[in-house]
N, C-alpha and C. Protein backbone atom coordinates (compact mmCIF):
# COMPACT_ATOMS: atom_id res chain seq x y z
N UNK A 1 -40.24 -46.76 94.36
CA UNK A 1 -39.83 -45.39 94.27
C UNK A 1 -39.10 -45.19 92.97
N UNK A 2 -39.38 -44.13 92.36
CA UNK A 2 -38.79 -43.80 91.07
C UNK A 2 -37.42 -43.17 91.31
N UNK A 3 -36.34 -43.76 90.74
CA UNK A 3 -34.97 -43.26 90.96
C UNK A 3 -34.76 -41.92 90.29
N UNK A 4 -35.50 -41.59 89.30
CA UNK A 4 -35.29 -40.33 88.61
C UNK A 4 -35.70 -39.14 89.46
N UNK A 5 -36.51 -39.37 90.49
CA UNK A 5 -36.93 -38.29 91.38
C UNK A 5 -36.07 -38.20 92.63
N UNK A 6 -35.19 -39.15 92.83
CA UNK A 6 -34.35 -39.20 94.02
C UNK A 6 -33.30 -38.09 94.01
N UNK A 7 -33.10 -37.41 95.15
CA UNK A 7 -32.10 -36.34 95.19
C UNK A 7 -30.67 -36.88 95.16
N UNK A 8 -30.46 -38.17 95.41
CA UNK A 8 -29.10 -38.72 95.39
C UNK A 8 -28.65 -39.09 93.99
N UNK A 9 -29.44 -38.91 93.07
CA UNK A 9 -28.99 -39.18 91.70
C UNK A 9 -29.86 -40.21 91.05
N UNK A 10 -29.51 -40.53 89.91
CA UNK A 10 -30.24 -41.50 89.15
C UNK A 10 -29.89 -41.32 87.71
N UNK A 11 -30.76 -41.75 86.87
CA UNK A 11 -30.50 -41.70 85.44
C UNK A 11 -30.50 -40.29 84.91
N UNK A 12 -31.29 -39.40 85.52
CA UNK A 12 -31.38 -38.04 85.00
C UNK A 12 -30.23 -37.14 85.48
N UNK A 13 -29.52 -37.54 86.60
CA UNK A 13 -28.43 -36.71 87.13
C UNK A 13 -27.16 -37.00 86.33
N UNK A 14 -26.51 -35.97 85.94
CA UNK A 14 -25.24 -36.16 85.24
C UNK A 14 -24.13 -36.08 86.28
N UNK A 15 -23.26 -37.06 86.27
CA UNK A 15 -22.14 -37.03 87.22
C UNK A 15 -21.01 -36.23 86.61
N UNK A 16 -20.52 -35.32 87.41
CA UNK A 16 -19.45 -34.45 86.92
C UNK A 16 -18.25 -34.64 87.87
N UNK A 17 -17.14 -35.12 87.37
CA UNK A 17 -15.93 -35.32 88.17
C UNK A 17 -15.09 -34.06 88.09
N UNK A 18 -14.76 -33.55 89.25
CA UNK A 18 -13.95 -32.34 89.28
C UNK A 18 -12.63 -32.64 89.95
N UNK A 19 -11.57 -31.94 89.56
CA UNK A 19 -10.27 -32.01 90.22
C UNK A 19 -10.07 -30.72 91.00
N UNK A 20 -8.85 -30.50 91.46
CA UNK A 20 -8.53 -29.27 92.18
C UNK A 20 -8.21 -28.18 91.17
N UNK A 21 -8.63 -26.99 91.49
CA UNK A 21 -8.31 -25.87 90.60
C UNK A 21 -6.91 -25.38 90.91
N UNK A 22 -6.34 -24.62 90.03
CA UNK A 22 -5.01 -24.07 90.21
C UNK A 22 -4.97 -23.16 91.44
N UNK A 23 -6.01 -22.43 91.67
CA UNK A 23 -6.08 -21.54 92.83
C UNK A 23 -6.05 -22.34 94.13
N UNK A 24 -6.75 -23.45 94.20
CA UNK A 24 -6.74 -24.28 95.41
C UNK A 24 -5.36 -24.87 95.66
N UNK A 25 -4.71 -25.32 94.63
CA UNK A 25 -3.37 -25.90 94.77
C UNK A 25 -2.39 -24.83 95.24
N UNK A 26 -2.44 -23.63 94.66
CA UNK A 26 -1.55 -22.55 95.07
C UNK A 26 -1.78 -22.14 96.51
N UNK A 27 -3.02 -22.16 96.94
CA UNK A 27 -3.34 -21.81 98.32
C UNK A 27 -2.76 -22.83 99.30
N UNK A 28 -2.86 -24.10 98.98
CA UNK A 28 -2.30 -25.15 99.83
C UNK A 28 -0.77 -25.02 99.88
N UNK A 29 -0.13 -24.79 98.75
CA UNK A 29 1.33 -24.62 98.71
C UNK A 29 1.75 -23.40 99.54
N UNK A 30 1.00 -22.33 99.46
CA UNK A 30 1.30 -21.12 100.23
C UNK A 30 1.21 -21.39 101.74
N UNK A 31 0.17 -22.06 102.17
CA UNK A 31 0.00 -22.38 103.59
C UNK A 31 1.13 -23.30 104.07
N UNK A 32 1.49 -24.31 103.28
CA UNK A 32 2.60 -25.20 103.64
C UNK A 32 3.92 -24.44 103.72
N UNK A 33 4.15 -23.52 102.80
CA UNK A 33 5.37 -22.71 102.82
C UNK A 33 5.47 -21.85 104.06
N UNK A 34 4.36 -21.25 104.48
CA UNK A 34 4.35 -20.43 105.70
C UNK A 34 4.63 -21.30 106.92
N UNK A 35 4.04 -22.47 106.97
CA UNK A 35 4.27 -23.38 108.11
C UNK A 35 5.72 -23.84 108.16
N UNK A 36 6.30 -24.16 107.02
CA UNK A 36 7.69 -24.59 106.98
C UNK A 36 8.63 -23.47 107.40
N UNK A 37 8.35 -22.25 106.96
CA UNK A 37 9.18 -21.10 107.34
C UNK A 37 9.11 -20.84 108.83
N UNK A 38 7.97 -21.10 109.43
CA UNK A 38 7.82 -20.87 110.87
C UNK A 38 8.52 -21.95 111.69
N UNK A 39 8.52 -23.19 111.23
CA UNK A 39 9.07 -24.29 112.01
C UNK A 39 10.48 -24.69 111.62
N UNK A 40 11.04 -24.21 110.54
CA UNK A 40 12.39 -24.59 110.11
C UNK A 40 13.46 -24.20 111.14
N UNK A 41 13.45 -22.98 111.69
CA UNK A 41 14.48 -22.66 112.70
C UNK A 41 14.42 -23.56 113.92
N UNK A 42 13.23 -23.91 114.34
CA UNK A 42 13.07 -24.79 115.50
C UNK A 42 13.65 -26.17 115.18
N UNK A 43 13.38 -26.67 113.99
CA UNK A 43 13.89 -27.97 113.60
C UNK A 43 15.41 -27.96 113.51
N UNK A 44 15.99 -26.88 112.96
CA UNK A 44 17.44 -26.79 112.85
C UNK A 44 18.09 -26.71 114.23
N UNK A 45 17.47 -25.98 115.15
CA UNK A 45 18.01 -25.89 116.51
C UNK A 45 17.96 -27.24 117.21
N UNK A 46 16.90 -27.99 116.98
CA UNK A 46 16.82 -29.30 117.63
C UNK A 46 17.85 -30.26 117.07
N UNK A 47 18.16 -30.17 115.78
CA UNK A 47 19.21 -31.00 115.18
C UNK A 47 20.56 -30.62 115.78
N UNK A 48 20.82 -29.32 115.91
CA UNK A 48 22.07 -28.84 116.49
C UNK A 48 22.19 -29.28 117.95
N UNK A 49 21.11 -29.17 118.70
CA UNK A 49 21.13 -29.59 120.10
C UNK A 49 21.37 -31.10 120.22
N UNK A 50 20.82 -31.88 119.31
CA UNK A 50 21.04 -33.33 119.32
C UNK A 50 22.51 -33.66 119.03
N UNK A 51 23.12 -32.93 118.11
CA UNK A 51 24.55 -33.15 117.83
C UNK A 51 25.41 -32.80 119.04
N UNK A 52 25.06 -31.73 119.73
CA UNK A 52 25.80 -31.32 120.92
C UNK A 52 25.68 -32.38 122.01
N UNK A 53 24.46 -32.85 122.27
CA UNK A 53 24.26 -33.90 123.28
C UNK A 53 25.03 -35.16 122.92
N UNK A 54 25.00 -35.52 121.65
CA UNK A 54 25.72 -36.71 121.19
C UNK A 54 27.23 -36.55 121.40
N UNK A 55 27.77 -35.38 121.09
CA UNK A 55 29.20 -35.14 121.27
C UNK A 55 29.57 -35.21 122.75
N UNK A 56 28.74 -34.65 123.63
CA UNK A 56 29.01 -34.72 125.06
C UNK A 56 29.00 -36.17 125.54
N UNK A 57 28.03 -36.96 125.08
CA UNK A 57 27.98 -38.38 125.45
C UNK A 57 29.21 -39.12 124.94
N UNK A 58 29.66 -38.80 123.72
CA UNK A 58 30.84 -39.46 123.17
C UNK A 58 32.10 -39.12 123.97
N UNK A 59 32.23 -37.87 124.41
CA UNK A 59 33.38 -37.48 125.23
C UNK A 59 33.37 -38.24 126.56
N UNK A 60 32.20 -38.31 127.18
CA UNK A 60 32.08 -39.03 128.45
C UNK A 60 32.40 -40.51 128.25
N UNK A 61 31.91 -41.10 127.17
CA UNK A 61 32.21 -42.50 126.88
C UNK A 61 33.71 -42.72 126.67
N UNK A 62 34.35 -41.77 126.01
CA UNK A 62 35.80 -41.87 125.78
C UNK A 62 36.54 -41.84 127.12
N UNK A 63 36.10 -40.99 128.04
CA UNK A 63 36.72 -40.95 129.38
C UNK A 63 36.54 -42.28 130.10
N UNK A 64 35.32 -42.81 130.08
CA UNK A 64 35.08 -44.08 130.77
C UNK A 64 35.89 -45.20 130.14
N UNK A 65 35.96 -45.21 128.81
CA UNK A 65 36.75 -46.24 128.12
C UNK A 65 38.23 -46.12 128.49
N UNK A 66 38.75 -44.90 128.49
CA UNK A 66 40.16 -44.70 128.83
C UNK A 66 40.47 -45.12 130.25
N UNK A 67 39.59 -44.78 131.17
CA UNK A 67 39.80 -45.14 132.57
C UNK A 67 39.76 -46.66 132.74
N UNK A 68 38.77 -47.30 132.12
CA UNK A 68 38.64 -48.76 132.23
C UNK A 68 39.82 -49.46 131.58
N UNK A 69 40.21 -48.99 130.39
CA UNK A 69 41.34 -49.62 129.69
C UNK A 69 42.64 -49.46 130.47
N UNK A 70 42.84 -48.31 131.09
CA UNK A 70 44.07 -48.12 131.85
C UNK A 70 44.11 -49.03 133.08
N UNK A 71 42.95 -49.24 133.72
CA UNK A 71 42.91 -50.13 134.89
C UNK A 71 43.07 -51.59 134.47
N UNK A 72 42.39 -51.97 133.41
CA UNK A 72 42.42 -53.37 132.98
C UNK A 72 43.74 -53.76 132.36
N UNK A 73 44.29 -52.88 131.55
CA UNK A 73 45.54 -53.19 130.86
C UNK A 73 46.78 -52.76 131.60
N UNK A 74 46.58 -52.12 132.77
CA UNK A 74 47.70 -51.63 133.56
C UNK A 74 48.65 -50.80 132.70
N UNK A 75 48.05 -49.88 131.94
CA UNK A 75 48.86 -48.99 131.12
C UNK A 75 48.44 -47.56 131.37
N UNK A 76 49.33 -46.66 131.05
CA UNK A 76 49.05 -45.24 131.21
C UNK A 76 48.52 -44.71 129.89
N UNK A 77 47.35 -44.06 129.95
CA UNK A 77 46.74 -43.49 128.76
C UNK A 77 46.63 -41.98 128.94
N UNK A 78 46.61 -41.28 127.82
CA UNK A 78 46.51 -39.82 127.83
C UNK A 78 45.28 -39.44 127.02
N UNK A 79 44.42 -38.59 127.60
CA UNK A 79 43.29 -38.06 126.84
C UNK A 79 43.62 -36.60 126.54
N UNK A 80 43.48 -36.25 125.27
CA UNK A 80 43.89 -34.90 124.85
C UNK A 80 42.72 -34.18 124.19
N UNK A 81 42.67 -32.88 124.43
CA UNK A 81 41.67 -31.99 123.85
C UNK A 81 42.41 -31.01 122.95
N UNK A 82 42.18 -31.12 121.65
CA UNK A 82 42.81 -30.23 120.68
C UNK A 82 41.80 -29.15 120.32
N UNK A 83 41.94 -27.96 120.91
CA UNK A 83 40.98 -26.88 120.69
C UNK A 83 41.06 -26.35 119.27
N UNK A 84 42.23 -26.37 118.66
CA UNK A 84 42.41 -25.83 117.32
C UNK A 84 41.69 -26.68 116.26
N UNK A 85 41.78 -28.00 116.39
CA UNK A 85 41.19 -28.90 115.40
C UNK A 85 39.86 -29.50 115.84
N UNK A 86 39.38 -29.18 117.05
CA UNK A 86 38.10 -29.72 117.52
C UNK A 86 38.11 -31.22 117.66
N UNK A 87 39.14 -31.75 118.30
CA UNK A 87 39.32 -33.18 118.41
C UNK A 87 39.61 -33.58 119.86
N UNK A 88 39.02 -34.69 120.27
CA UNK A 88 39.31 -35.27 121.57
C UNK A 88 39.84 -36.67 121.29
N UNK A 89 41.03 -36.97 121.81
CA UNK A 89 41.68 -38.25 121.48
C UNK A 89 42.13 -38.96 122.74
N UNK A 90 42.06 -40.27 122.68
CA UNK A 90 42.63 -41.12 123.71
C UNK A 90 43.90 -41.71 123.12
N UNK A 91 45.02 -41.45 123.76
CA UNK A 91 46.32 -41.84 123.23
C UNK A 91 47.02 -42.78 124.20
N UNK A 92 47.76 -43.71 123.64
CA UNK A 92 48.58 -44.58 124.46
C UNK A 92 49.90 -43.87 124.72
N UNK A 93 50.35 -43.90 125.97
CA UNK A 93 51.62 -43.27 126.29
C UNK A 93 52.78 -44.22 126.02
N UNK A 94 52.48 -45.39 125.52
CA UNK A 94 53.53 -46.35 125.18
C UNK A 94 54.07 -46.04 123.80
N UNK A 95 55.35 -46.20 123.66
CA UNK A 95 55.97 -45.99 122.35
C UNK A 95 56.83 -47.19 122.00
N UNK A 96 57.07 -47.38 120.73
CA UNK A 96 57.91 -48.48 120.29
C UNK A 96 59.38 -48.14 120.53
N UNK A 97 60.20 -49.17 120.82
CA UNK A 97 61.63 -48.92 120.99
C UNK A 97 62.25 -48.44 119.68
N UNK A 98 61.78 -49.01 118.55
CA UNK A 98 62.29 -48.55 117.27
C UNK A 98 61.32 -47.54 116.68
N UNK A 99 61.71 -46.85 115.67
CA UNK A 99 60.90 -45.78 115.10
C UNK A 99 59.87 -46.28 114.10
N UNK A 100 59.92 -47.55 113.72
CA UNK A 100 59.00 -48.09 112.74
C UNK A 100 57.66 -48.38 113.42
N UNK A 101 56.70 -47.48 113.25
CA UNK A 101 55.39 -47.60 113.90
C UNK A 101 54.51 -48.65 113.23
N UNK A 102 54.89 -49.11 112.04
CA UNK A 102 54.04 -50.07 111.34
C UNK A 102 54.37 -51.51 111.74
N UNK A 103 55.50 -51.74 112.37
CA UNK A 103 55.88 -53.09 112.77
C UNK A 103 55.07 -53.51 113.99
N UNK A 104 54.53 -54.70 113.92
CA UNK A 104 53.79 -55.19 115.07
C UNK A 104 54.76 -56.00 115.92
N UNK A 105 55.07 -55.47 117.08
CA UNK A 105 56.05 -56.08 117.97
C UNK A 105 55.35 -56.78 119.12
N UNK A 106 55.99 -57.80 119.68
CA UNK A 106 55.41 -58.45 120.86
C UNK A 106 55.35 -57.47 122.03
N UNK A 107 54.46 -57.71 123.01
CA UNK A 107 54.26 -56.77 124.11
C UNK A 107 55.53 -56.45 124.89
N UNK A 108 56.50 -57.39 125.00
CA UNK A 108 57.70 -57.10 125.79
C UNK A 108 58.58 -56.04 125.13
N UNK A 109 58.32 -55.69 123.88
CA UNK A 109 59.11 -54.67 123.19
C UNK A 109 58.55 -53.27 123.40
N UNK A 110 57.44 -53.15 124.12
CA UNK A 110 56.86 -51.84 124.38
C UNK A 110 57.47 -51.26 125.65
N UNK A 111 57.66 -49.96 125.64
CA UNK A 111 58.15 -49.27 126.83
C UNK A 111 57.22 -48.11 127.13
N UNK A 112 56.92 -47.87 128.38
CA UNK A 112 56.11 -46.70 128.68
C UNK A 112 56.87 -45.43 128.32
N UNK A 113 56.19 -44.51 127.65
CA UNK A 113 56.80 -43.23 127.32
C UNK A 113 56.50 -42.22 128.41
N UNK A 114 57.31 -41.19 128.55
CA UNK A 114 57.05 -40.20 129.60
C UNK A 114 55.82 -39.37 129.26
N UNK A 115 54.87 -39.31 130.20
CA UNK A 115 53.65 -38.55 129.94
C UNK A 115 53.83 -37.07 130.19
N UNK A 116 54.88 -36.68 130.91
CA UNK A 116 55.10 -35.26 131.12
C UNK A 116 55.62 -34.59 129.86
N UNK A 117 56.04 -35.38 128.88
CA UNK A 117 56.50 -34.86 127.61
C UNK A 117 55.61 -35.38 126.48
N UNK A 118 54.33 -35.38 126.71
CA UNK A 118 53.37 -35.89 125.73
C UNK A 118 53.45 -35.09 124.43
N UNK A 119 53.58 -35.81 123.34
CA UNK A 119 53.63 -35.19 122.02
C UNK A 119 52.44 -35.69 121.22
N UNK A 120 51.41 -34.85 121.01
CA UNK A 120 50.21 -35.32 120.32
C UNK A 120 50.47 -35.74 118.88
N UNK A 121 51.52 -35.22 118.27
CA UNK A 121 51.82 -35.57 116.88
C UNK A 121 52.40 -36.98 116.75
N UNK A 122 53.09 -37.45 117.78
CA UNK A 122 53.78 -38.74 117.68
C UNK A 122 53.25 -39.79 118.64
N UNK A 123 52.04 -39.61 119.14
CA UNK A 123 51.48 -40.60 120.05
C UNK A 123 50.57 -41.55 119.28
N UNK A 124 50.41 -42.74 119.83
CA UNK A 124 49.55 -43.75 119.21
C UNK A 124 48.10 -43.47 119.62
N UNK A 125 47.25 -43.10 118.67
CA UNK A 125 45.85 -42.79 118.96
C UNK A 125 45.07 -44.10 119.11
N UNK A 126 44.42 -44.26 120.25
CA UNK A 126 43.60 -45.44 120.52
C UNK A 126 42.20 -45.21 119.97
N UNK A 127 41.61 -44.06 120.32
CA UNK A 127 40.30 -43.65 119.82
C UNK A 127 40.30 -42.13 119.71
N UNK A 128 39.46 -41.64 118.80
CA UNK A 128 39.41 -40.20 118.59
C UNK A 128 37.98 -39.77 118.25
N UNK A 129 37.61 -38.57 118.67
CA UNK A 129 36.29 -38.00 118.39
C UNK A 129 36.49 -36.64 117.75
N UNK A 130 35.81 -36.41 116.65
CA UNK A 130 35.78 -35.07 116.05
C UNK A 130 34.52 -34.38 116.54
N UNK A 131 34.67 -33.19 117.08
CA UNK A 131 33.52 -32.45 117.56
C UNK A 131 32.76 -31.86 116.38
N UNK A 132 31.42 -31.75 116.47
CA UNK A 132 30.67 -31.12 115.38
C UNK A 132 31.08 -29.65 115.23
N UNK A 133 30.86 -29.10 114.06
CA UNK A 133 31.30 -27.73 113.76
C UNK A 133 30.71 -26.71 114.72
N UNK A 134 29.51 -26.97 115.24
CA UNK A 134 28.87 -26.00 116.11
C UNK A 134 29.33 -26.07 117.57
N UNK A 135 30.26 -26.96 117.90
CA UNK A 135 30.74 -27.12 119.26
C UNK A 135 32.25 -26.93 119.30
N UNK A 136 32.71 -26.10 120.22
CA UNK A 136 34.16 -25.86 120.31
C UNK A 136 34.61 -25.93 121.76
N UNK A 137 35.88 -26.25 121.95
CA UNK A 137 36.47 -26.31 123.27
C UNK A 137 36.87 -24.89 123.65
N UNK A 138 36.28 -24.39 124.72
CA UNK A 138 36.52 -23.01 125.15
C UNK A 138 37.65 -22.92 126.16
N UNK A 139 37.63 -23.80 127.16
CA UNK A 139 38.64 -23.71 128.22
C UNK A 139 38.82 -25.07 128.87
N UNK A 140 40.00 -25.27 129.43
CA UNK A 140 40.28 -26.46 130.22
C UNK A 140 40.93 -26.00 131.52
N UNK A 141 40.76 -26.80 132.55
CA UNK A 141 41.35 -26.47 133.84
C UNK A 141 41.81 -27.76 134.50
N UNK A 142 43.00 -27.72 135.10
CA UNK A 142 43.54 -28.90 135.77
C UNK A 142 44.25 -29.84 134.82
N UNK A 143 44.55 -29.38 133.61
CA UNK A 143 45.21 -30.21 132.61
C UNK A 143 46.56 -29.59 132.23
N UNK A 144 47.43 -30.42 131.71
CA UNK A 144 48.70 -29.92 131.17
C UNK A 144 48.45 -29.47 129.74
N UNK A 145 49.31 -28.59 129.25
CA UNK A 145 49.11 -28.06 127.89
C UNK A 145 50.39 -28.10 127.09
N UNK A 146 50.22 -28.34 125.80
CA UNK A 146 51.31 -28.24 124.84
C UNK A 146 50.71 -27.66 123.56
N UNK A 147 51.01 -26.43 123.25
CA UNK A 147 50.41 -25.75 122.10
C UNK A 147 48.91 -25.57 122.31
N UNK A 148 48.12 -25.97 121.33
CA UNK A 148 46.65 -25.86 121.44
C UNK A 148 46.02 -27.10 122.05
N UNK A 149 46.86 -28.04 122.49
CA UNK A 149 46.37 -29.31 123.03
C UNK A 149 46.51 -29.32 124.55
N UNK A 150 45.39 -29.61 125.23
CA UNK A 150 45.39 -29.83 126.68
C UNK A 150 45.23 -31.32 126.90
N UNK A 151 45.94 -31.86 127.87
CA UNK A 151 45.87 -33.31 128.08
C UNK A 151 45.96 -33.65 129.55
N UNK A 152 45.47 -34.85 129.86
CA UNK A 152 45.49 -35.38 131.21
C UNK A 152 45.85 -36.86 131.11
N UNK A 153 46.52 -37.38 132.11
CA UNK A 153 47.01 -38.75 132.09
C UNK A 153 46.16 -39.64 132.99
N UNK A 154 45.74 -40.78 132.45
CA UNK A 154 45.10 -41.83 133.26
C UNK A 154 46.20 -42.78 133.67
N UNK A 155 46.44 -42.87 134.96
CA UNK A 155 47.46 -43.78 135.46
C UNK A 155 46.96 -45.21 135.38
N UNK A 156 47.84 -46.16 135.63
CA UNK A 156 47.49 -47.57 135.47
C UNK A 156 46.42 -48.04 136.45
N UNK A 157 46.14 -47.28 137.50
CA UNK A 157 45.05 -47.65 138.42
C UNK A 157 43.74 -46.95 138.05
N UNK A 158 43.72 -46.21 136.92
CA UNK A 158 42.51 -45.54 136.44
C UNK A 158 42.30 -44.16 137.01
N UNK A 159 43.17 -43.73 137.90
CA UNK A 159 42.98 -42.42 138.52
C UNK A 159 43.62 -41.32 137.68
N UNK A 160 43.14 -40.13 137.90
CA UNK A 160 43.65 -38.95 137.22
C UNK A 160 43.31 -37.76 138.11
N UNK A 161 44.02 -36.67 137.98
CA UNK A 161 43.59 -35.49 138.74
C UNK A 161 42.20 -35.04 138.27
N UNK A 162 41.44 -34.43 139.15
CA UNK A 162 40.14 -33.88 138.76
C UNK A 162 40.37 -32.74 137.79
N UNK A 163 39.58 -32.72 136.70
CA UNK A 163 39.76 -31.65 135.72
C UNK A 163 38.42 -31.22 135.15
N UNK A 164 38.45 -30.09 134.45
CA UNK A 164 37.24 -29.47 133.92
C UNK A 164 37.47 -29.07 132.47
N UNK A 165 36.45 -29.27 131.66
CA UNK A 165 36.49 -28.85 130.25
C UNK A 165 35.23 -28.06 129.98
N UNK A 166 35.38 -26.88 129.37
CA UNK A 166 34.24 -26.05 129.02
C UNK A 166 34.07 -26.03 127.51
N UNK A 167 32.86 -26.37 127.06
CA UNK A 167 32.53 -26.41 125.64
C UNK A 167 31.44 -25.36 125.37
N UNK A 168 31.49 -24.76 124.17
CA UNK A 168 30.52 -23.74 123.79
C UNK A 168 29.94 -24.12 122.43
N UNK A 169 28.61 -24.03 122.29
CA UNK A 169 27.99 -24.30 120.99
C UNK A 169 27.76 -22.99 120.24
N UNK A 170 27.25 -23.08 119.03
CA UNK A 170 27.11 -21.91 118.16
C UNK A 170 26.08 -20.91 118.67
N UNK A 171 25.18 -21.34 119.54
CA UNK A 171 24.19 -20.41 120.12
C UNK A 171 24.75 -19.68 121.33
N UNK A 172 25.96 -20.07 121.76
CA UNK A 172 26.56 -19.45 122.92
C UNK A 172 26.29 -20.18 124.22
N UNK A 173 25.59 -21.32 124.15
CA UNK A 173 25.33 -22.11 125.35
C UNK A 173 26.63 -22.80 125.77
N UNK A 174 26.90 -22.75 127.06
CA UNK A 174 28.14 -23.32 127.61
C UNK A 174 27.82 -24.60 128.37
N UNK A 175 28.70 -25.58 128.22
CA UNK A 175 28.58 -26.85 128.93
C UNK A 175 29.92 -27.11 129.60
N UNK A 176 29.85 -27.40 130.89
CA UNK A 176 31.05 -27.70 131.63
C UNK A 176 31.05 -29.17 131.99
N UNK A 177 32.11 -29.88 131.59
CA UNK A 177 32.29 -31.26 131.99
C UNK A 177 33.25 -31.26 133.17
N UNK A 178 32.82 -31.76 134.29
CA UNK A 178 33.65 -31.84 135.48
C UNK A 178 33.93 -33.32 135.72
N UNK A 179 35.18 -33.73 135.55
CA UNK A 179 35.56 -35.13 135.67
C UNK A 179 36.30 -35.32 136.99
N UNK A 180 35.72 -36.10 137.88
CA UNK A 180 36.32 -36.37 139.18
C UNK A 180 37.37 -37.46 138.99
N UNK A 181 38.59 -37.18 139.40
CA UNK A 181 39.72 -38.04 139.08
C UNK A 181 39.73 -39.41 139.71
N UNK A 182 39.34 -39.53 140.96
CA UNK A 182 39.44 -40.82 141.64
C UNK A 182 38.34 -41.77 141.21
N UNK A 183 37.10 -41.29 141.18
CA UNK A 183 35.97 -42.17 140.86
C UNK A 183 35.67 -42.23 139.37
N UNK A 184 36.10 -41.23 138.61
CA UNK A 184 35.80 -41.17 137.18
C UNK A 184 34.41 -40.62 136.89
N UNK A 185 33.71 -40.14 137.91
CA UNK A 185 32.37 -39.59 137.73
C UNK A 185 32.43 -38.29 136.92
N UNK A 186 31.48 -38.16 135.97
CA UNK A 186 31.44 -36.97 135.12
C UNK A 186 30.12 -36.25 135.35
N UNK A 187 30.21 -34.96 135.62
CA UNK A 187 29.02 -34.11 135.74
C UNK A 187 28.99 -33.16 134.55
N UNK A 188 27.81 -32.97 133.96
CA UNK A 188 27.62 -31.97 132.91
C UNK A 188 26.87 -30.82 133.54
N UNK A 189 27.50 -29.67 133.57
CA UNK A 189 26.90 -28.50 134.19
C UNK A 189 26.62 -27.45 133.11
N UNK A 190 25.35 -27.30 132.70
CA UNK A 190 25.05 -26.28 131.68
C UNK A 190 25.13 -24.89 132.29
N UNK A 191 25.67 -23.96 131.55
CA UNK A 191 25.75 -22.55 131.95
C UNK A 191 24.83 -21.76 131.05
N UNK A 192 23.86 -21.09 131.62
CA UNK A 192 22.90 -20.33 130.82
C UNK A 192 23.08 -18.86 131.09
């Protein structure tokens, strides 16, 4: 068979290499831009929702850690919710006999501090969580308050009164954490 007569090419066919034209490239960029504009809000909402879920899990973990530490170490711990600064902290109710907080003293020099006079400014922070900007503490119930800080005490047996914390995200979705005092069980109740 003669290759020059073949429709697939041969010596007589000139091969011409083409690239993309400017119009084709602009069309692809336009389609990608429209797709990104349509899906960007959904992606941003899913990132925000992931941060909210993560913050809720961190708060629950902080409660479980505080309860376990108070039972194991036979110490009284205070968990505080600072609505003004968006912070949840686990604080030791123990204070040093002297005012020098940097001195490391043996355990017999520690004295339990009164939890009914909890001072968030002068307590020893064990662990702390900063809430993401899109999540704020809306209300607390069953807790003691001092200024913008609500707090609850974990006694040395791990028990605490049952309490509730309501959190609101930037979309207006409400989440209620209901912490059962005796068992330490936490329920997340979304409000829609």
